[in-house]
Amino acid sequence: MRPLGEIWAGIAGGPEADGASPVVRPLALGWATVELDRATSELGSLIGEGQIARSAPRSAALGAACQMFGTDDPEMPWVVLLEPDTEGRLAATLARHGEGWAAAWWSGADDARPATPAARIAWSPPRPGPFGPERLLLGGPTTGPHRLTATPATIRAMTDSQISIRAAAAGDAEAIASLFTDEGYPAGSSDIVERLSRFTSTESRVLVAELDGTLLGFLALHAMPRFEHDDTIVRILALVVDAGARERGIGRSLMGEAESIGRELGAAFVEITAGHHRPEARHLYETLGYDANVAAYLRKKL
C-alpha cells in the first residue's frame, strides 16, 4: 500500500480528476475489502502507533460492516474499513473494480452533483446509512472507484461520538410518549410519568439516548431472580428508537448500557423479545450476539 500521508495529500482539496465540480475536503479515507482481518492488519501498520479503533454500525445503504481508525495526529485522516455483505451494492462494486481505497469524499445532503457519463461515473440513489443518507459513487478513476457522501451527522459521529445515555427523568415523558405512540403503543405524558415512577430502583430502570441534545430513543429493563436457577436475569421490556434516527448506533448504545447494568448486577444473561413483524430489530439483536432460542411464550388475557 502507498503511505497513508501520501494518499491523503493527493486527494485533500481541489477539483475532481474528471473535471466535475470541486469537492469538499475529504473527512476520511476508507478501504473497501472482502478480508477485514487482513486489511485491518495492513492498515494498522500504515497508521502506526496511536491508532484508535472503533466499530461502527452496519451500513444499510451499502450492505457493509464498518470499522474506524484514527491517530493522535490532527493532520491525519480517519480511516474507514468496509467489509461488504455478499449481496450488497458495495460487494458488486468490489467485484467489478477490486478492493481499494474508499469513502474518501464527504459532503452535505444538499450535494446534487449529477453523474458524469463521459467519465463513466454514476451516483447511486441516497439511502439511510449508519449516520445519515449515503450514496455510493460507481465507476470513476481506477485509483479510487468506491466513494461515499454523507450528511454532516457522519462527520460528527466519526470524529466525536455524540450519543449519550442517561437515566430517564420526568421531563423526558413527552418525548418518550411520542416515540412510544409512533411505535404503535399510544401513551400520554402523564402515563409515562406514572410508569417512570415505577422504574426507579436498581432492578428496574428506564434509559434514554440523546444525540446533540435531542432524545431519540429509550430502553426499559427489569432485573429479576429466577426460581429454577440460582441466578438473576435482565429482561429488556421496551426498546424504541426514533424512526428517522435509526442505523446511527442509538439502539446499540442503549443495549450496550443495558448489558453493562446486567454485569454490574451479576446477571446471567440479558433477554429480549423480537416479534416476527420487526425483522430489522431481530437483525440488530443477532448482530449484537443474541441467539434465538426455541422457547415459546404463551399468554392468556385476564
C-alpha atoms as a PDB file:
ATOM      1  CA  MET A   1       0.000   0.000   0.000  1.00  0.00           C
ATOM      2  CA  ARG A   2       1.106   3.579  -0.592  1.00  0.00           C
ATOM      3  CA  PRO A   3       1.922   5.635   2.522  1.00  0.00           C
ATOM      4  CA  LEU A   4      -1.249   6.950   4.107  1.00  0.00           C
ATOM      5  CA  GLY A   5       0.017  10.526   4.241  1.00  0.00           C
ATOM      6  CA  GLU A   6       0.851  10.468   0.534  1.00  0.00           C
ATOM      7  CA  ILE A   7      -2.615   9.254  -0.384  1.00  0.00           C
ATOM      8  CA  TRP A   8      -4.241  11.832   1.870  1.00  0.00           C
ATOM      9  CA  ALA A   9      -2.178  14.681   0.431  1.00  0.00           C
ATOM     10  CA  GLY A  10      -3.134  13.632  -3.067  1.00  0.00           C
ATOM     11  CA  ILE A  11      -6.870  13.868  -2.512  1.00  0.00           C
ATOM     12  CA  ALA A  12      -7.244  16.626   0.093  1.00  0.00           C
ATOM     13  CA  GLY A  13      -8.906  19.563  -1.604  1.00  0.00           C
ATOM     14  CA  GLY A  14      -9.089  20.644  -5.211  1.00  0.00           C
ATOM     15  CA  PRO A  15     -11.373  19.639  -8.099  1.00  0.00           C
ATOM     16  CA  GLU A  16     -12.119  16.091  -9.077  1.00  0.00           C
ATOM     17  CA  ALA A  17      -9.812  14.474 -11.599  1.00  0.00           C
ATOM     18  CA  ASP A  18     -12.611  14.103 -14.131  1.00  0.00           C
ATOM     19  CA  GLY A  19     -13.322  17.832 -14.200  1.00  0.00           C
ATOM     20  CA  ALA A  20     -16.562  17.689 -12.248  1.00  0.00           C
ATOM     21  CA  SER A  21     -17.440  20.347  -9.705  1.00  0.00           C
ATOM     22  CA  PRO A  22     -14.985  20.894  -6.818  1.00  0.00           C
ATOM     23  CA  VAL A  23     -15.357  18.513  -3.930  1.00  0.00           C
ATOM     24  CA  VAL A  24     -15.486  19.121  -0.233  1.00  0.00           C
ATOM     25  CA  ARG A  25     -12.213  18.363   1.539  1.00  0.00           C
ATOM     26  CA  PRO A  26     -12.451  14.661   2.422  1.00  0.00           C
ATOM     27  CA  LEU A  27     -13.022  13.791   6.024  1.00  0.00           C
ATOM     28  CA  ALA A  28     -11.612  10.300   5.860  1.00  0.00           C
ATOM     29  CA  LEU A  29     -10.030   7.648   3.757  1.00  0.00           C
ATOM     30  CA  GLY A  30     -11.642   4.270   3.535  1.00  0.00           C
ATOM     31  CA  TRP A  31     -10.638   0.814   2.402  1.00  0.00           C
ATOM     32  CA  ALA A  32     -13.265  -1.452   0.883  1.00  0.00           C
ATOM     33  CA  THR A  33     -12.292  -5.070   1.320  1.00  0.00           C
ATOM     34  CA  VAL A  34     -13.595  -8.613   1.471  1.00  0.00           C
ATOM     35  CA  GLU A  35     -10.963  -9.613   4.047  1.00  0.00           C
ATOM     36  CA  LEU A  36     -11.456  -7.377   7.059  1.00  0.00           C
ATOM     37  CA  ASP A  37      -8.839  -9.040   9.294  1.00  0.00           C
ATOM     38  CA  ARG A  38      -6.054  -8.783   6.737  1.00  0.00           C
ATOM     39  CA  ALA A  39      -6.947  -5.229   5.770  1.00  0.00           C
ATOM     40  CA  THR A  40      -7.124  -4.241   9.437  1.00  0.00           C
ATOM     41  CA  SER A  41      -3.606  -5.538   9.982  1.00  0.00           C
ATOM     42  CA  GLU A  42      -2.209  -3.780   6.920  1.00  0.00           C
ATOM     43  CA  LEU A  43      -3.924  -0.501   7.709  1.00  0.00           C
ATOM     44  CA  GLY A  44      -2.715  -0.762  11.287  1.00  0.00           C
ATOM     45  CA  SER A  45       0.871  -0.809  10.068  1.00  0.00           C
ATOM     46  CA  LEU A  46       0.143   2.206   7.856  1.00  0.00           C
ATOM     47  CA  ILE A  47      -1.442   4.224  10.627  1.00  0.00           C
ATOM     48  CA  GLY A  48       1.279   3.339  13.107  1.00  0.00           C
ATOM     49  CA  GLU A  49       1.293   3.986  16.816  1.00  0.00           C
ATOM     50  CA  GLY A  50      -1.560   5.864  18.424  1.00  0.00           C
ATOM     51  CA  GLN A  51      -4.264   4.297  16.317  1.00  0.00           C
ATOM     52  CA  ILE A  52      -7.803   4.319  17.642  1.00  0.00           C
ATOM     53  CA  ALA A  53     -10.120   1.512  16.567  1.00  0.00           C
ATOM     54  CA  ARG A  54     -13.876   1.983  16.822  1.00  0.00           C
ATOM     55  CA  SER A  55     -16.623  -0.245  15.495  1.00  0.00           C
ATOM     56  CA  ALA A  56     -19.434   1.373  13.544  1.00  0.00           C
ATOM     57  CA  PRO A  57     -22.959   0.211  12.764  1.00  0.00           C
ATOM     58  CA  ARG A  58     -23.584  -1.855   9.678  1.00  0.00           C
ATOM     59  CA  SER A  59     -24.375   0.393   6.722  1.00  0.00           C
ATOM     60  CA  ALA A  60     -27.853  -0.330   5.410  1.00  0.00           C
ATOM     61  CA  ALA A  61     -27.080   1.731   2.332  1.00  0.00           C
ATOM     62  CA  LEU A  62     -24.040  -0.201   1.252  1.00  0.00           C
ATOM     63  CA  GLY A  63     -24.515  -3.574   2.879  1.00  0.00           C
ATOM     64  CA  ALA A  64     -21.223  -3.295   4.736  1.00  0.00           C
ATOM     65  CA  ALA A  65     -19.763  -3.711   8.192  1.00  0.00           C
ATOM     66  CA  CYS A  66     -17.621  -0.748   9.217  1.00  0.00           C
ATOM     67  CA  GLN A  67     -14.626  -0.228  11.464  1.00  0.00           C
ATOM     68  CA  MET A  68     -12.977   3.151  12.016  1.00  0.00           C
ATOM     69  CA  PHE A  69      -9.391   4.046  12.836  1.00  0.00           C
ATOM     70  CA  GLY A  70      -7.672   7.312  13.687  1.00  0.00           C
ATOM     71  CA  THR A  71      -4.431   8.698  15.049  1.00  0.00           C
ATOM     72  CA  ASP A  72      -3.416  11.299  17.567  1.00  0.00           C
ATOM     73  CA  ASP A  73      -2.066  13.384  14.690  1.00  0.00           C
ATOM     74  CA  PRO A  74      -4.732  16.007  13.791  1.00  0.00           C
ATOM     75  CA  GLU A  75      -3.355  16.188  10.257  1.00  0.00           C
ATOM     76  CA  MET A  76      -4.041  12.531   9.576  1.00  0.00           C
ATOM     77  CA  PRO A  77      -7.487  11.369   8.478  1.00  0.00           C
ATOM     78  CA  TRP A  78      -9.804   8.841   9.954  1.00  0.00           C
ATOM     79  CA  VAL A  79      -9.743   5.565   8.081  1.00  0.00           C
ATOM     80  CA  VAL A  80     -12.885   3.542   7.441  1.00  0.00           C
ATOM     81  CA  LEU A  81     -12.794  -0.183   6.756  1.00  0.00           C
ATOM     82  CA  LEU A  82     -15.811  -1.504   4.890  1.00  0.00           C
ATOM     83  CA  GLU A  83     -16.446  -5.244   4.615  1.00  0.00           C
ATOM     84  CA  PRO A  84     -19.355  -5.902   2.248  1.00  0.00           C
ATOM     85  CA  ASP A  85     -22.134  -8.375   2.606  1.00  0.00           C
ATOM     86  CA  THR A  86     -22.207 -10.695  -0.395  1.00  0.00           C
ATOM     87  CA  GLU A  87     -25.421  -9.186  -1.762  1.00  0.00           C
ATOM     88  CA  GLY A  88     -24.688  -5.523  -1.024  1.00  0.00           C
ATOM     89  CA  ARG A  89     -24.021  -2.850  -3.624  1.00  0.00           C
ATOM     90  CA  LEU A  90     -20.504  -2.396  -2.330  1.00  0.00           C
ATOM     91  CA  ALA A  91     -19.863  -6.094  -2.937  1.00  0.00           C
ATOM     92  CA  ALA A  92     -20.992  -5.692  -6.534  1.00  0.00           C
ATOM     93  CA  THR A  93     -18.658  -2.726  -6.967  1.00  0.00           C
ATOM     94  CA  LEU A  94     -15.744  -4.636  -5.466  1.00  0.00           C
ATOM     95  CA  ALA A  95     -16.427  -7.499  -7.847  1.00  0.00           C
ATOM     96  CA  ARG A  96     -16.198  -5.026 -10.720  1.00  0.00           C
ATOM     97  CA  HIS A  97     -13.219  -2.945  -9.587  1.00  0.00           C
ATOM     98  CA  GLY A  98     -11.477  -4.933  -6.863  1.00  0.00           C
ATOM     99  CA  GLU A  99     -10.857  -3.813  -3.298  1.00  0.00           C
ATOM    100  CA  GLY A 100      -9.272  -0.430  -2.760  1.00  0.00           C
ATOM    101  CA  TRP A 101      -9.450   2.951  -1.104  1.00  0.00           C
ATOM    102  CA  ALA A 102     -12.966   4.183  -0.445  1.00  0.00           C
ATOM    103  CA  ALA A 103     -15.127   6.650   1.486  1.00  0.00           C
ATOM    104  CA  ALA A 104     -12.779   9.491   0.653  1.00  0.00           C
ATOM    105  CA  TRP A 105     -15.277  12.247  -0.012  1.00  0.00           C
ATOM    106  CA  TRP A 106     -17.868  13.507   2.434  1.00  0.00           C
ATOM    107  CA  SER A 107     -20.381  16.292   1.837  1.00  0.00           C
ATOM    108  CA  GLY A 108     -23.809  17.511   2.859  1.00  0.00           C
ATOM    109  CA  ALA A 109     -27.189  16.078   1.957  1.00  0.00           C
ATOM    110  CA  ASP A 110     -27.762  19.004  -0.439  1.00  0.00           C
ATOM    111  CA  ASP A 111     -24.955  17.760  -2.687  1.00  0.00           C
ATOM    112  CA  ALA A 112     -26.705  17.322  -6.020  1.00  0.00           C
ATOM    113  CA  ARG A 113     -23.771  16.810  -8.372  1.00  0.00           C
ATOM    114  CA  PRO A 114     -25.013  14.885 -11.417  1.00  0.00           C
ATOM    115  CA  ALA A 115     -23.460  11.788 -12.859  1.00  0.00           C
ATOM    116  CA  THR A 116     -20.759  12.388 -15.466  1.00  0.00           C
ATOM    117  CA  PRO A 117     -21.253   9.900 -18.321  1.00  0.00           C
ATOM    118  CA  ALA A 118     -18.022  10.923 -20.031  1.00  0.00           C
ATOM    119  CA  ALA A 119     -16.077   9.656 -17.035  1.00  0.00           C
ATOM    120  CA  ARG A 120     -18.410   6.674 -16.599  1.00  0.00           C
ATOM    121  CA  ILE A 121     -19.337   7.851 -13.103  1.00  0.00           C
ATOM    122  CA  ALA A 122     -22.788   7.302 -11.638  1.00  0.00           C
ATOM    123  CA  TRP A 123     -24.140   8.098  -8.199  1.00  0.00           C
ATOM    124  CA  SER A 124     -26.402   5.566  -6.556  1.00  0.00           C
ATOM    125  CA  PRO A 125     -29.664   6.909  -5.050  1.00  0.00           C
ATOM    126  CA  PRO A 126     -29.322   8.080  -1.436  1.00  0.00           C
ATOM    127  CA  ARG A 127     -30.281   5.537   1.218  1.00  0.00           C
ATOM    128  CA  PRO A 128     -30.178   5.609   5.027  1.00  0.00           C
ATOM    129  CA  GLY A 129     -26.779   4.719   6.446  1.00  0.00           C
ATOM    130  CA  PRO A 130     -25.329   4.454   9.944  1.00  0.00           C
ATOM    131  CA  PHE A 131     -25.178   8.204  10.484  1.00  0.00           C
ATOM    132  CA  GLY A 132     -27.338   9.666   7.710  1.00  0.00           C
ATOM    133  CA  PRO A 133     -28.080   9.343   3.972  1.00  0.00           C
ATOM    134  CA  GLU A 134     -25.277   7.769   1.953  1.00  0.00           C
ATOM    135  CA  ARG A 135     -24.576   7.362  -1.745  1.00  0.00           C
ATOM    136  CA  LEU A 136     -22.070   5.141  -3.457  1.00  0.00           C
ATOM    137  CA  LEU A 137     -20.137   6.504  -6.423  1.00  0.00           C
ATOM    138  CA  LEU A 138     -19.931   3.734  -9.009  1.00  0.00           C
ATOM    139  CA  GLY A 139     -17.105   3.771 -11.508  1.00  0.00           C
ATOM    140  CA  GLY A 140     -14.616   6.628 -11.654  1.00  0.00           C
ATOM    141  CA  PRO A 141     -10.810   6.638 -11.525  1.00  0.00           C
ATOM    142  CA  THR A 142      -9.220   3.243 -11.041  1.00  0.00           C
ATOM    143  CA  THR A 143      -7.257   4.630  -8.086  1.00  0.00           C
ATOM    144  CA  GLY A 144     -10.416   5.169  -6.081  1.00  0.00           C
ATOM    145  CA  PRO A 145     -13.686   3.820  -7.502  1.00  0.00           C
ATOM    146  CA  HIS A 146     -15.518   3.493  -4.205  1.00  0.00           C
ATOM    147  CA  ARG A 147     -16.726   6.755  -2.720  1.00  0.00           C
ATOM    148  CA  LEU A 148     -19.420   7.851  -0.296  1.00  0.00           C
ATOM    149  CA  THR A 149     -21.206  11.059   0.510  1.00  0.00           C
ATOM    150  CA  ALA A 150     -22.959  11.509   3.827  1.00  0.00           C
ATOM    151  CA  THR A 151     -24.685  14.104   5.958  1.00  0.00           C
ATOM    152  CA  PRO A 152     -22.747  16.220   8.476  1.00  0.00           C
ATOM    153  CA  ALA A 153     -24.003  13.798  11.137  1.00  0.00           C
ATOM    154  CA  THR A 154     -21.488  11.312   9.763  1.00  0.00           C
ATOM    155  CA  ILE A 155     -18.674  13.753  10.356  1.00  0.00           C
ATOM    156  CA  ARG A 156     -19.761  14.365  13.939  1.00  0.00           C
ATOM    157  CA  ALA A 157     -20.201  10.671  14.637  1.00  0.00           C
ATOM    158  CA  MET A 158     -16.823   9.703  13.194  1.00  0.00           C
ATOM    159  CA  THR A 159     -14.803  12.405  14.900  1.00  0.00           C
ATOM    160  CA  ASP A 160     -16.566  12.623  18.250  1.00  0.00           C
ATOM    161  CA  SER A 161     -19.344  10.364  19.465  1.00  0.00           C
ATOM    162  CA  GLN A 162     -22.363  12.469  20.406  1.00  0.00           C
ATOM    163  CA  ILE A 163     -24.650   9.710  21.697  1.00  0.00           C
ATOM    164  CA  SER A 164     -25.143   9.983  25.451  1.00  0.00           C
ATOM    165  CA  ILE A 165     -27.052   7.519  27.630  1.00  0.00           C
ATOM    166  CA  ARG A 166     -28.608   8.526  30.963  1.00  0.00           C
ATOM    167  CA  ALA A 167     -31.423   7.596  33.301  1.00  0.00           C
ATOM    168  CA  ALA A 168     -34.842   8.837  32.219  1.00  0.00           C
ATOM    169  CA  ALA A 169     -36.436  11.701  34.148  1.00  0.00           C
ATOM    170  CA  ALA A 170     -39.989  13.017  34.391  1.00  0.00           C
ATOM    171  CA  GLY A 171     -39.042  15.793  31.981  1.00  0.00           C
ATOM    172  CA  ASP A 172     -38.484  13.169  29.277  1.00  0.00           C
ATOM    173  CA  ALA A 173     -42.079  11.942  29.453  1.00  0.00           C
ATOM    174  CA  GLU A 174     -43.351  13.897  26.449  1.00  0.00           C
ATOM    175  CA  ALA A 175     -40.546  12.717  24.162  1.00  0.00           C
ATOM    176  CA  ILE A 176     -40.868   9.113  25.356  1.00  0.00           C
ATOM    177  CA  ALA A 177     -44.642   9.206  24.881  1.00  0.00           C
ATOM    178  CA  SER A 178     -44.197  10.489  21.332  1.00  0.00           C
ATOM    179  CA  LEU A 179     -41.727   7.721  20.464  1.00  0.00           C
ATOM    180  CA  PHE A 180     -43.961   5.084  22.036  1.00  0.00           C
ATOM    181  CA  THR A 181     -47.026   6.356  20.161  1.00  0.00           C
ATOM    182  CA  ASP A 182     -45.152   6.344  16.844  1.00  0.00           C
ATOM    183  CA  GLU A 183     -44.213   2.721  17.560  1.00  0.00           C
ATOM    184  CA  GLY A 184     -47.893   1.780  17.866  1.00  0.00           C
ATOM    185  CA  TYR A 185     -48.270   1.970  21.640  1.00  0.00           C
ATOM    186  CA  PRO A 186     -50.328   5.122  22.315  1.00  0.00           C
ATOM    187  CA  ALA A 187     -49.374   6.818  25.567  1.00  0.00           C
ATOM    188  CA  GLY A 188     -49.719  10.273  27.041  1.00  0.00           C
ATOM    189  CA  SER A 189     -47.123  12.195  29.016  1.00  0.00           C
ATOM    190  CA  SER A 190     -48.955  11.570  32.285  1.00  0.00           C
ATOM    191  CA  ASP A 191     -48.975   7.830  31.555  1.00  0.00           C
ATOM    192  CA  ILE A 192     -45.217   7.843  31.056  1.00  0.00           C
ATOM    193  CA  VAL A 193     -44.596   9.885  34.213  1.00  0.00           C
ATOM    194  CA  GLU A 194     -46.535   7.288  36.207  1.00  0.00           C
ATOM    195  CA  ARG A 195     -44.617   4.414  34.607  1.00  0.00           C
ATOM    196  CA  LEU A 196     -41.275   6.092  35.203  1.00  0.00           C
ATOM    197  CA  SER A 197     -42.119   6.336  38.897  1.00  0.00           C
ATOM    198  CA  ARG A 198     -42.221   2.517  38.962  1.00  0.00           C
ATOM    199  CA  PHE A 199     -38.814   2.198  37.304  1.00  0.00           C
ATOM    200  CA  THR A 200     -36.522   3.971  39.736  1.00  0.00           C
ATOM    201  CA  SER A 201     -34.948   1.054  41.589  1.00  0.00           C
ATOM    202  CA  THR A 202     -31.641  -0.677  40.943  1.00  0.00           C
ATOM    203  CA  GLU A 203     -33.517  -3.567  39.324  1.00  0.00           C
ATOM    204  CA  SER A 204     -35.983  -1.525  37.252  1.00  0.00           C
ATOM    205  CA  ARG A 205     -34.709   1.308  35.086  1.00  0.00           C
ATOM    206  CA  VAL A 206     -35.504   3.364  32.017  1.00  0.00           C
ATOM    207  CA  LEU A 207     -32.613   4.721  29.962  1.00  0.00           C
ATOM    208  CA  VAL A 208     -32.753   7.414  27.294  1.00  0.00           C
ATOM    209  CA  ALA A 209     -30.351   8.143  24.438  1.00  0.00           C
ATOM    210  CA  GLU A 210     -29.631  11.676  23.289  1.00  0.00           C
ATOM    211  CA  LEU A 211     -27.819  12.835  20.176  1.00  0.00           C
ATOM    212  CA  ASP A 212     -26.839  16.501  20.065  1.00  0.00           C
ATOM    213  CA  GLY A 213     -29.251  17.162  22.931  1.00  0.00           C
ATOM    214  CA  THR A 214     -32.259  15.517  21.269  1.00  0.00           C
ATOM    215  CA  LEU A 215     -33.882  12.455  22.848  1.00  0.00           C
ATOM    216  CA  LEU A 216     -34.010   9.838  20.092  1.00  0.00           C
ATOM    217  CA  GLY A 217     -34.516   6.554  21.926  1.00  0.00           C
ATOM    218  CA  PHE A 218     -35.258   4.820  25.194  1.00  0.00           C
ATOM    219  CA  LEU A 219     -34.971   1.407  26.812  1.00  0.00           C
ATOM    220  CA  ALA A 220     -36.771  -0.102  29.809  1.00  0.00           C
ATOM    221  CA  LEU A 221     -35.298  -3.054  31.691  1.00  0.00           C
ATOM    222  CA  HIS A 222     -36.044  -5.161  34.736  1.00  0.00           C
ATOM    223  CA  ALA A 223     -33.690  -7.499  36.591  1.00  0.00           C
ATOM    224  CA  MET A 224     -35.319 -10.430  38.309  1.00  0.00           C
ATOM    225  CA  PRO A 225     -34.266 -13.634  40.087  1.00  0.00           C
ATOM    226  CA  ARG A 226     -35.118 -16.987  38.565  1.00  0.00           C
ATOM    227  CA  PHE A 227     -36.659 -19.676  40.763  1.00  0.00           C
ATOM    228  CA  GLU A 228     -35.487 -22.610  38.667  1.00  0.00           C
ATOM    229  CA  HIS A 229     -31.879 -21.377  38.787  1.00  0.00           C
ATOM    230  CA  ASP A 230     -29.914 -19.610  41.473  1.00  0.00           C
ATOM    231  CA  ASP A 231     -29.247 -16.524  39.395  1.00  0.00           C
ATOM    232  CA  THR A 232     -30.649 -13.244  38.047  1.00  0.00           C
ATOM    233  CA  ILE A 233     -31.518 -12.238  34.504  1.00  0.00           C
ATOM    234  CA  VAL A 234     -32.157  -8.866  32.892  1.00  0.00           C
ATOM    235  CA  ARG A 235     -35.162  -8.561  30.618  1.00  0.00           C
ATOM    236  CA  ILE A 236     -35.496  -5.728  28.113  1.00  0.00           C
ATOM    237  CA  LEU A 237     -39.126  -4.636  28.307  1.00  0.00           C
ATOM    238  CA  ALA A 238     -39.033  -1.895  25.683  1.00  0.00           C
ATOM    239  CA  LEU A 239     -36.528  -0.554  23.158  1.00  0.00           C
ATOM    240  CA  VAL A 240     -37.638   2.248  20.859  1.00  0.00           C
ATOM    241  CA  VAL A 241     -35.543   4.439  18.557  1.00  0.00           C
ATOM    242  CA  ASP A 242     -36.855   7.363  16.531  1.00  0.00           C
ATOM    243  CA  ALA A 243     -37.610   6.070  13.018  1.00  0.00           C
ATOM    244  CA  GLY A 244     -35.687   8.954  11.477  1.00  0.00           C
ATOM    245  CA  ALA A 245     -32.566   8.232  13.523  1.00  0.00           C
ATOM    246  CA  ARG A 246     -32.133   4.502  13.052  1.00  0.00           C
ATOM    247  CA  GLU A 247     -28.900   2.918  11.776  1.00  0.00           C
ATOM    248  CA  ARG A 248     -26.911   5.515  13.747  1.00  0.00           C
ATOM    249  CA  GLY A 249     -25.861   3.339  16.661  1.00  0.00           C
ATOM    250  CA  ILE A 250     -28.531   4.527  19.107  1.00  0.00           C
ATOM    251  CA  GLY A 251     -30.109   1.118  19.666  1.00  0.00           C
ATOM    252  CA  ARG A 252     -26.670  -0.443  20.005  1.00  0.00           C
ATOM    253  CA  SER A 253     -25.652   2.156  22.588  1.00  0.00           C
ATOM    254  CA  LEU A 254     -28.787   1.550  24.652  1.00  0.00           C
ATOM    255  CA  MET A 255     -28.322  -2.214  24.512  1.00  0.00           C
ATOM    256  CA  GLY A 256     -24.671  -1.838  25.449  1.00  0.00           C
ATOM    257  CA  GLU A 257     -25.602   0.167  28.544  1.00  0.00           C
ATOM    258  CA  ALA A 258     -28.254  -2.402  29.483  1.00  0.00           C
ATOM    259  CA  GLU A 259     -25.641  -5.149  29.245  1.00  0.00           C
ATOM    260  CA  SER A 260     -23.273  -3.137  31.449  1.00  0.00           C
ATOM    261  CA  ILE A 261     -26.025  -2.811  34.053  1.00  0.00           C
ATOM    262  CA  GLY A 262     -26.625  -6.545  33.819  1.00  0.00           C
ATOM    263  CA  ARG A 263     -22.969  -7.260  34.507  1.00  0.00           C
ATOM    264  CA  GLU A 264     -22.999  -4.871  37.484  1.00  0.00           C
ATOM    265  CA  LEU A 265     -25.983  -6.761  38.899  1.00  0.00           C
ATOM    266  CA  GLY A 266     -24.317 -10.120  38.324  1.00  0.00           C
ATOM    267  CA  ALA A 267     -26.987 -11.222  35.844  1.00  0.00           C
ATOM    268  CA  ALA A 268     -26.502 -14.490  33.986  1.00  0.00           C
ATOM    269  CA  PHE A 269     -27.782 -13.045  30.720  1.00  0.00           C
ATOM    270  CA  VAL A 270     -29.928 -10.394  29.056  1.00  0.00           C
ATOM    271  CA  GLU A 271     -33.023 -11.410  27.128  1.00  0.00           C
ATOM    272  CA  ILE A 272     -35.307  -9.522  24.782  1.00  0.00           C
ATOM    273  CA  THR A 273     -38.382 -10.454  22.757  1.00  0.00           C
ATOM    274  CA  ALA A 274     -38.238  -9.826  18.999  1.00  0.00           C
ATOM    275  CA  GLY A 275     -41.533 -10.053  17.129  1.00  0.00           C
ATOM    276  CA  HIS A 276     -41.678 -11.590  13.655  1.00  0.00           C
ATOM    277  CA  HIS A 277     -43.131  -8.301  12.372  1.00  0.00           C
ATOM    278  CA  ARG A 278     -39.848  -6.496  13.218  1.00  0.00           C
ATOM    279  CA  PRO A 279     -37.118  -8.259  11.212  1.00  0.00           C
ATOM    280  CA  GLU A 280     -34.819  -5.228  11.423  1.00  0.00           C
ATOM    281  CA  ALA A 281     -34.925  -5.369  15.228  1.00  0.00           C
ATOM    282  CA  ARG A 282     -34.192  -9.082  15.173  1.00  0.00           C
ATOM    283  CA  HIS A 283     -31.216  -8.431  12.895  1.00  0.00           C
ATOM    284  CA  LEU A 284     -29.865  -5.845  15.354  1.00  0.00           C
ATOM    285  CA  TYR A 285     -30.071  -8.254  18.270  1.00  0.00           C
ATOM    286  CA  GLU A 286     -28.402 -11.029  16.294  1.00  0.00           C
ATOM    287  CA  THR A 287     -25.521  -8.748  15.276  1.00  0.00           C
ATOM    288  CA  LEU A 288     -25.071  -7.963  18.975  1.00  0.00           C
ATOM    289  CA  GLY A 289     -24.669 -11.663  19.739  1.00  0.00           C
ATOM    290  CA  TYR A 290     -28.198 -12.558  20.864  1.00  0.00           C
ATOM    291  CA  ASP A 291     -29.307 -16.087  19.991  1.00  0.00           C
ATOM    292  CA  ALA A 292     -32.893 -17.059  19.284  1.00  0.00           C
ATOM    293  CA  ASN A 293     -33.990 -19.980  21.461  1.00  0.00           C
ATOM    294  CA  VAL A 294     -36.802 -22.448  20.937  1.00  0.00           C
ATOM    295  CA  ALA A 295     -38.946 -21.269  23.849  1.00  0.00           C
ATOM    296  CA  ALA A 296     -42.445 -20.027  23.077  1.00  0.00           C
ATOM    297  CA  TYR A 297     -44.272 -17.529  25.275  1.00  0.00           C
ATOM    298  CA  LEU A 298     -47.929 -18.415  25.838  1.00  0.00           C
ATOM    299  CA  ARG A 299     -50.358 -15.739  27.004  1.00  0.00           C
ATOM    300  CA  LYS A 300     -53.850 -15.617  28.419  1.00  0.00           C
ATOM    301  CA  LYS A 301     -55.581 -12.286  28.702  1.00  0.00           C
ATOM    302  CA  LEU A 302     -57.004 -11.509  32.164  1.00  0.00           C
END
